[in-house]
Structures are given as structure tokens and as C-alpha cells.
Protein backbone atom coordinates (compact mmCIF):
# COMPACT_ATOMS: atom_id res chain seq x y z
CA MET A 1 -12.44 -5.01 89.40
CA THR A 2 -10.98 -1.91 90.93
CA GLU A 3 -11.04 1.52 89.38
CA ALA A 4 -7.24 1.44 89.23
CA LEU A 5 -7.31 -1.78 87.21
CA ALA A 6 -9.91 -0.37 84.81
CA LEU A 7 -7.77 2.76 84.39
CA GLN A 8 -4.70 0.59 83.70
CA MET A 9 -6.56 -1.38 81.02
CA ILE A 10 -7.81 1.82 79.37
CA THR A 11 -4.33 3.39 79.52
CA VAL A 12 -2.73 0.34 77.91
CA ALA A 13 -5.44 0.20 75.23
CA LEU A 14 -4.87 3.90 74.51
CA LEU A 15 -1.10 3.47 74.27
CA TRP A 16 -1.42 0.42 72.03
CA GLY A 17 -4.33 1.61 69.92
CA ALA A 18 -3.15 5.17 69.38
CA THR A 19 0.35 4.09 68.35
CA ASN A 20 -0.52 1.22 65.98
CA PRO A 21 -1.46 3.43 62.99
CA PHE A 22 1.65 5.57 63.51
CA ILE A 23 3.90 2.51 63.70
CA LYS A 24 2.40 1.40 60.39
CA SER A 25 2.86 4.78 58.70
CA GLY A 26 6.30 5.24 60.26
CA SER A 27 7.53 2.02 58.71
CA ARG A 28 6.69 3.15 55.16
CA GLY A 29 9.68 2.75 52.92
CA ILE A 30 11.03 -0.38 54.58
CA GLU A 31 10.04 -2.34 51.48
CA ASN A 32 12.64 -0.30 49.55
CA VAL A 33 15.52 -1.40 51.79
CA ALA A 34 17.81 -3.64 49.77
CA ALA A 35 20.92 -5.74 50.34
CA ASP A 36 22.96 -8.52 48.79
CA ASN A 37 21.62 -11.25 51.08
CA VAL A 38 18.86 -11.92 53.57
CA LEU A 39 20.99 -11.27 56.66
CA LYS A 40 22.23 -7.89 55.41
CA LYS A 41 18.68 -6.95 54.39
CA PHE A 42 17.44 -7.85 57.88
CA PHE A 43 20.06 -5.64 59.56
CA ASN A 44 19.47 -2.81 57.08
CA GLU A 45 15.75 -2.94 57.89
CA ILE A 46 16.50 -2.79 61.64
CA ILE A 47 18.75 0.22 61.07
CA PHE A 48 16.08 1.85 58.89
CA LEU A 49 13.50 1.49 61.68
CA VAL A 50 15.77 2.46 64.59
CA LEU A 51 16.92 5.65 62.86
CA ASN A 52 13.38 6.60 61.84
CA TYR A 53 11.82 8.79 64.55
CA LYS A 54 8.38 8.48 62.90
CA TYR A 55 8.58 4.78 63.71
CA MET A 56 10.56 4.82 66.97
CA ILE A 57 8.50 7.33 68.95
CA PRO A 58 5.20 5.44 68.55
CA PHE A 59 7.03 2.13 68.98
CA LEU A 60 8.52 3.22 72.31
CA LEU A 61 5.14 4.52 73.53
CA ASN A 62 3.62 1.19 72.48
CA GLN A 63 6.27 -0.64 74.50
CA ILE A 64 5.51 1.52 77.53
CA GLY A 65 1.94 0.23 77.22
CA SER A 66 3.25 -3.34 77.10
CA THR A 67 5.37 -2.73 80.19
CA ILE A 68 2.39 -1.35 82.12
CA PHE A 69 0.32 -4.32 80.95
CA VAL A 70 2.83 -6.94 82.08
CA LEU A 71 4.06 -5.33 85.30
CA PHE A 72 0.80 -3.96 86.65
CA THR A 73 -2.36 -4.88 84.78
CA LEU A 74 -1.74 -8.63 84.50
CA GLN A 75 -0.46 -8.72 88.07
CA ASN A 76 -3.56 -7.05 89.52
CA GLY A 77 -6.36 -8.51 87.45
CA ASP A 78 -7.91 -11.73 86.26
CA ILE A 79 -6.25 -12.71 82.99
CA ASN A 80 -9.64 -13.89 81.68
CA VAL A 81 -10.91 -10.31 81.92
CA VAL A 82 -7.84 -8.15 81.48
CA VAL A 83 -6.64 -9.62 78.18
CA PRO A 84 -9.92 -9.61 76.20
CA VAL A 85 -11.05 -6.20 77.45
CA THR A 86 -7.70 -4.52 76.82
CA ASN A 87 -7.31 -6.10 73.38
CA SER A 88 -10.86 -5.27 72.29
CA LEU A 89 -10.52 -1.65 73.38
CA THR A 90 -7.21 -1.52 71.52
CA PHE A 91 -9.02 -2.47 68.30
CA VAL A 92 -11.55 0.31 68.82
CA ILE A 93 -8.87 2.92 69.44
CA THR A 94 -6.71 1.70 66.55
CA THR A 95 -9.66 1.99 64.18
CA LEU A 96 -10.57 5.49 65.34
CA VAL A 97 -6.99 6.82 65.32
CA GLY A 98 -6.37 5.18 61.95
CA TYR A 99 -9.46 6.90 60.58
CA LEU A 100 -8.33 10.26 61.98
CA ASN A 101 -4.90 9.59 60.44
CA GLY A 102 -6.46 9.10 57.00
CA GLU A 103 -6.39 5.29 56.89
CA GLY A 104 -9.71 4.19 55.50
CA LYS A 105 -13.28 5.16 56.12
CA LEU A 106 -15.79 4.46 58.86
CA ASN A 107 -18.80 2.80 57.30
CA ARG A 108 -22.00 1.72 59.03
CA ASP A 109 -20.72 -1.79 59.75
CA THR A 110 -17.46 -0.51 61.23
CA ILE A 111 -19.26 1.96 63.47
CA MET A 112 -21.69 -0.74 64.63
CA GLY A 113 -18.74 -3.04 65.37
CA LEU A 114 -16.99 -0.33 67.39
CA ILE A 115 -20.16 0.31 69.40
CA LEU A 116 -20.71 -3.40 70.07
CA ILE A 117 -17.08 -3.94 71.12
CA SER A 118 -17.27 -0.94 73.46
CA LEU A 119 -20.56 -2.09 74.96
CA GLY A 120 -19.29 -5.65 75.38
CA SER A 121 -16.12 -4.48 77.10
CA THR A 122 -18.12 -2.19 79.38
CA CYS A 123 -20.52 -5.00 80.31
CA PHE A 124 -17.60 -7.32 80.95
CA MET A 125 -15.91 -4.79 83.25
CA LEU A 126 -19.15 -3.94 85.08
CA HIS A 127 -20.04 -7.61 85.58
CA ASN A 128 -16.58 -8.33 86.89
CA SER A 129 -16.67 -5.26 89.10
CA THR A 130 -19.94 -6.47 90.64
CA CYS A 131 -18.50 -9.94 91.22
CA PHE A 132 -15.39 -8.36 92.80
CA MET A 133 -17.52 -6.24 95.17
CA LEU A 134 -19.72 -9.21 96.15
CA HIS A 135 -16.68 -11.39 96.79
CA ASN A 136 -14.98 -8.75 98.94
CA SER A 137 -18.13 -8.00 100.96
CA SER A 138 -18.52 -11.66 101.93
CA THR A 139 -14.97 -11.93 103.31
């Protein structure tokens, strides 16, 4: 694994994880959108979200992360490494940003889980990096 690939995974995880709590809080009030039928309600909800900058700004940043992930990260890395590492780091960042945003508390079990996920992702990247270096040195 190259340093560029690791940086891409971390960037995507940051964009996804940091925006998830804000997407959630930005969508507050959507449950109050009403209409005569299901189709009108659906379109009213879309309009509610599109016109809500508290939802749209984090959503667009999140989509930038998805674009980086699809166009660069998946193209340059092993899917068996890139997907689990990026997703697990996203959970860590989402939990921490959510906590800083006032969503819940960090108890002992949560903190232990965050540490274990971070250590597991680091081990996974380091192991893969070693395999990448060994493979390239033999060719």
C-alpha cells in the first residue's frame, strides 16, 4: 500500500465520518413535511432537503468523499483492503464527531471499540504495506 493510497482512504473516511452527524442533524424537521399523497410527500421532502443548507453542505462534502473513493481509492487499491479500512475509520470519525456535536456520550465500551477499530485498521494497512513492498522488491 502506498502512502498516497493510505492518505486517500483517510481523506475519504474523514469526509464521510465528519459529515454523517451533520447530515443527520441537518435533516431534522423532515418528519414534519406533509402532503396529500405519497408522491407529493416524497417531492416535498426532496425540496425540504435541497433547500436546507444545513443538510446540503455536509451532503455535498460527503459526495466528494464518495467521488474520491470511486475514482481514485478503489482504482488504486485492493478492494479487500480499501473498503474495510475506509469504512471502519469512517465509523470511528462519525462517533467522535457525533460526540463533539452533542450526540450521545463516550462510555468505556465505546472508547475501547474505537481504539480496537483504529488498531485493527492500522495493522491491516501496515500488513498490506509490507506485502506491497515485498511484492515490488521481488519484481
